[in-house]
Amino acid sequence: MIDDLLFLDDNLCLFCKEEERKKFFLCENCLSKLDYVDNEFEILKYKARALYFYNSFIAHLISDYKFNRNTSLYKVFGQMLYEFLKEKNMDDFDYILTCPSSNSVLNLRGFDHIKLICDYFIKDTNMTYLKGFKKIKNTKAQHKLSLEDRAKNLRNSFEFRGDLTEKKVLIFDDIITSSNTVKEIIRTIEKSNPKKIEAIAIASSHRVKK
């Protein structure tokens, strides 16, 4: 990635690019703006977890990565997620399922922002990517829709025809707000008889454990 080459030697924060990196390739000032919650909640009876509360800073961080093509930030999110999975002993799933984007979004953005994060650490875990899971419907951008329209927008968007008997699947998305994307993914793969399904996100609007 071009961004990686530009900031490889100066040891500056990959977001503000002004101060020295301390952790997760971020400086102390940027780190202080993160709201770590280590939250647990349920989505369709399955456990979901989020590292950070979706505050204005992490929203800006994710937006810069996805929409401004600051692709070097994949290392920030990748290191955050990897250390969390190791700490919580969550790196022993059989598969990680990265929430897929439509072809139109991938063509516009130029990269798969979710998979790029997992590429950073997956080789150091026991997991492999779940193959055969596809997005079969071009949908509108979720963040531009009402809560009701988000659910309708994703209905019957995914397809999976494999067998997951006795397999554990970890679903990963960058943000969980309405949970509609994860819900639709769960409905798709639970037909294949998995032993366990969990979901994880970098950030979520869920703050309190429930």
Protein backbone atom coordinates (compact mmCIF):
# COMPACT_ATOMS: atom_id res chain seq x y z
CA MET A 1 0.00 0.00 0.00
CA ILE A 2 1.27 3.47 -0.90
CA ASP A 3 0.31 4.85 2.54
CA ASP A 4 2.47 2.22 4.24
CA LEU A 5 5.53 3.36 2.30
CA LEU A 6 4.92 7.04 3.03
CA PHE A 7 4.87 6.56 6.80
CA LEU A 8 7.11 3.55 7.24
CA ASP A 9 10.20 5.29 8.67
CA ASP A 10 8.99 8.34 10.55
CA ASN A 11 7.22 6.46 13.37
CA LEU A 12 4.37 8.95 13.41
CA CYS A 13 0.76 8.20 14.36
CA LEU A 14 -1.03 6.69 11.38
CA PHE A 15 -4.07 8.91 11.97
CA CYS A 16 -2.96 12.42 12.93
CA LYS A 17 0.57 11.94 11.52
CA GLU A 18 1.81 14.53 13.99
CA GLU A 19 2.95 12.73 17.15
CA GLU A 20 5.01 9.64 17.90
CA ARG A 21 3.25 6.27 17.90
CA LYS A 22 2.70 4.59 21.26
CA LYS A 23 0.23 1.72 20.76
CA PHE A 24 -1.83 0.36 17.88
CA PHE A 25 0.23 2.67 15.61
CA LEU A 26 -1.50 5.65 17.27
CA CYS A 27 -0.12 8.44 19.45
CA GLU A 28 -1.09 9.07 23.07
CA ASN A 29 -3.42 11.91 22.12
CA CYS A 30 -5.38 9.79 19.64
CA LEU A 31 -5.43 6.83 22.02
CA SER A 32 -6.94 9.00 24.72
CA LYS A 33 -9.95 9.70 22.52
CA LEU A 34 -10.89 6.02 22.23
CA ASP A 35 -13.67 4.80 24.52
CA TYR A 36 -12.79 1.19 25.35
CA VAL A 37 -15.85 -0.71 26.58
CA ASP A 38 -15.15 -4.45 26.01
CA ASN A 39 -18.90 -4.82 25.63
CA GLU A 40 -21.00 -7.99 25.33
CA PHE A 41 -24.54 -8.13 23.99
CA GLU A 42 -26.76 -10.54 22.06
CA ILE A 43 -27.79 -10.59 18.42
CA LEU A 44 -30.48 -13.17 17.66
CA LYS A 45 -29.47 -15.09 20.86
CA TYR A 46 -25.81 -15.24 19.79
CA LYS A 47 -23.01 -13.49 21.68
CA ALA A 48 -21.60 -10.33 20.15
CA ARG A 49 -18.68 -8.27 21.38
CA ALA A 50 -17.33 -4.80 20.66
CA LEU A 51 -14.01 -3.27 21.66
CA TYR A 52 -14.93 0.42 21.59
CA PHE A 53 -17.96 2.62 21.94
CA TYR A 54 -18.86 4.26 18.64
CA ASN A 55 -17.96 7.82 19.59
CA SER A 56 -17.08 10.70 17.26
CA PHE A 57 -13.36 9.93 17.27
CA ILE A 58 -13.57 6.29 16.22
CA ALA A 59 -16.26 7.24 13.70
CA HIS A 60 -13.75 9.66 12.18
CA LEU A 61 -11.01 7.04 12.32
CA ILE A 62 -13.11 4.44 10.50
CA SER A 63 -14.39 6.99 8.00
CA ASP A 64 -10.84 8.09 7.17
CA TYR A 65 -9.94 4.46 6.52
CA LYS A 66 -13.00 3.54 4.44
CA PHE A 67 -13.80 6.70 2.54
CA ASN A 68 -10.59 8.76 2.45
CA ARG A 69 -8.45 5.74 1.54
CA ASN A 70 -6.07 6.10 4.47
CA THR A 71 -5.43 2.40 3.99
CA SER A 72 -2.51 2.31 6.43
CA LEU A 73 -5.13 2.32 9.20
CA TYR A 74 -5.81 -1.36 8.56
CA LYS A 75 -2.82 -1.97 10.84
CA VAL A 76 -4.42 0.07 13.62
CA PHE A 77 -7.66 -1.94 13.54
CA GLY A 78 -5.85 -5.21 12.85
CA GLN A 79 -3.62 -4.86 15.91
CA MET A 80 -6.56 -3.81 18.09
CA LEU A 81 -8.57 -6.84 17.06
CA TYR A 82 -5.68 -9.30 17.23
CA GLU A 83 -4.71 -8.32 20.78
CA PHE A 84 -8.34 -8.47 21.89
CA LEU A 85 -8.86 -11.95 20.40
CA LYS A 86 -5.70 -13.22 22.07
CA GLU A 87 -6.59 -11.70 25.43
CA LYS A 88 -10.10 -13.18 25.37
CA ASN A 89 -8.98 -16.57 23.97
CA MET A 90 -11.18 -16.02 20.92
CA ASP A 91 -8.65 -16.99 18.25
CA ASP A 92 -9.65 -20.68 18.17
CA PHE A 93 -12.71 -20.40 15.92
CA ASP A 94 -12.57 -22.52 12.80
CA TYR A 95 -13.60 -19.69 10.53
CA ILE A 96 -13.74 -15.93 10.47
CA LEU A 97 -16.46 -14.51 8.27
CA THR A 98 -15.76 -10.96 7.17
CA CYS A 99 -18.91 -9.01 6.35
CA PRO A 100 -18.89 -8.76 2.56
CA SER A 101 -19.42 -5.59 0.56
CA SER A 102 -21.24 -5.47 -2.77
CA ASN A 103 -19.19 -5.39 -5.97
CA SER A 104 -20.26 -1.81 -6.60
CA VAL A 105 -18.91 -0.71 -3.20
CA LEU A 106 -15.65 -2.61 -3.69
CA ASN A 107 -15.17 -1.07 -7.13
CA LEU A 108 -15.85 2.41 -5.80
CA ARG A 109 -13.66 2.06 -2.69
CA GLY A 110 -10.92 0.11 -4.40
CA PHE A 111 -10.29 -2.33 -1.53
CA ASP A 112 -12.08 -4.70 0.84
CA HIS A 113 -11.72 -2.75 4.08
CA ILE A 114 -12.95 -5.57 6.35
CA LYS A 115 -10.81 -8.35 4.86
CA LEU A 116 -7.73 -6.13 4.82
CA ILE A 117 -7.97 -5.79 8.60
CA CYS A 118 -8.13 -9.56 9.06
CA ASP A 119 -5.31 -10.17 6.58
CA TYR A 120 -3.09 -8.39 9.09
CA PHE A 121 -3.39 -11.08 11.77
CA ILE A 122 -5.23 -14.18 10.55
CA LYS A 123 -2.03 -16.12 9.87
CA ASP A 124 -1.22 -15.87 13.57
CA THR A 125 -4.48 -17.52 14.64
CA ASN A 126 -6.09 -20.92 14.18
CA MET A 127 -8.77 -19.45 11.93
CA THR A 128 -9.21 -19.46 8.19
CA TYR A 129 -11.61 -17.45 6.06
CA LEU A 130 -15.03 -18.97 5.49
CA LYS A 131 -15.21 -19.60 1.77
CA GLY A 132 -18.39 -19.78 -0.25
CA PHE A 133 -20.26 -17.07 1.61
CA LYS A 134 -21.41 -14.50 -0.95
CA LYS A 135 -23.32 -11.28 -1.20
CA ILE A 136 -25.79 -11.88 -4.02
CA LYS A 137 -27.65 -8.59 -3.98
CA ASN A 138 -26.38 -5.07 -4.53
CA THR A 139 -27.69 -3.02 -1.62
CA LYS A 140 -27.73 0.65 -0.74
CA ALA A 141 -25.27 2.02 1.80
CA GLN A 142 -26.66 1.16 5.24
CA HIS A 143 -25.57 4.38 6.93
CA LYS A 144 -27.75 6.39 4.55
CA LEU A 145 -30.97 4.54 5.44
CA SER A 146 -33.48 4.61 8.29
CA LEU A 147 -33.48 1.74 10.78
CA GLU A 148 -36.55 0.20 9.16
CA ASP A 149 -35.14 0.51 5.65
CA ARG A 150 -31.82 -1.02 6.73
CA ALA A 151 -33.48 -4.34 7.54
CA LYS A 152 -35.40 -4.38 4.25
CA ASN A 153 -32.31 -3.38 2.31
CA LEU A 154 -30.36 -6.46 3.47
CA ARG A 155 -33.12 -9.06 3.28
CA ASN A 156 -31.98 -12.13 1.30
CA SER A 157 -28.69 -10.42 0.42
CA PHE A 158 -26.37 -13.33 1.27
CA GLU A 159 -25.90 -16.93 0.21
CA PHE A 160 -24.02 -19.88 1.70
CA ARG A 161 -24.38 -23.52 0.66
CA GLY A 162 -21.63 -25.19 2.66
CA ASP A 163 -21.78 -27.51 5.67
CA LEU A 164 -20.75 -26.05 9.02
CA THR A 165 -21.52 -29.03 11.21
CA GLU A 166 -19.30 -28.96 14.34
CA LYS A 167 -17.63 -25.75 13.10
CA LYS A 168 -17.27 -22.47 15.00
CA VAL A 169 -17.73 -19.23 13.07
CA LEU A 170 -16.70 -15.72 14.13
CA ILE A 171 -18.43 -12.93 12.22
CA PHE A 172 -16.44 -9.70 11.96
CA ASP A 173 -17.66 -6.24 11.02
CA ASP A 174 -16.10 -2.85 11.67
CA ILE A 175 -19.20 -1.27 13.24
CA ILE A 176 -22.35 -2.74 14.80
CA THR A 177 -25.19 -0.24 15.22
CA SER A 178 -28.58 -1.54 14.10
CA SER A 179 -27.11 -5.10 13.90
CA ASN A 180 -29.05 -5.75 10.68
CA THR A 181 -26.01 -6.87 8.69
CA VAL A 182 -24.94 -9.37 11.33
CA LYS A 183 -28.52 -10.59 11.78
CA GLU A 184 -28.86 -11.35 8.08
CA ILE A 185 -25.49 -13.14 8.05
CA ILE A 186 -26.52 -15.24 11.06
CA ARG A 187 -29.82 -16.20 9.42
CA THR A 188 -27.88 -17.30 6.35
CA ILE A 189 -25.22 -19.46 8.00
CA GLU A 190 -27.24 -20.96 10.86
CA LYS A 191 -29.05 -23.07 8.24
CA SER A 192 -25.74 -24.90 7.78
CA ASN A 193 -25.74 -26.27 11.34
CA PRO A 194 -22.69 -24.56 12.90
CA LYS A 195 -21.61 -25.57 16.38
CA LYS A 196 -21.07 -21.97 17.46
CA ILE A 197 -21.60 -18.47 16.10
CA GLU A 198 -20.26 -15.26 17.62
CA ALA A 199 -19.82 -11.75 16.28
CA ILE A 200 -17.22 -9.09 16.95
CA ALA A 201 -16.81 -5.47 15.93
CA ILE A 202 -14.22 -2.79 16.40
CA ALA A 203 -16.93 -0.37 17.54
CA SER A 204 -20.58 -0.45 18.48
CA SER A 205 -23.32 1.88 19.67
CA HIS A 206 -24.03 -0.68 22.42
CA ARG A 207 -22.40 0.69 25.56
CA VAL A 208 -23.95 -1.30 28.43
CA LYS A 209 -23.75 -5.07 28.75
CA LYS A 210 -27.15 -6.69 28.42
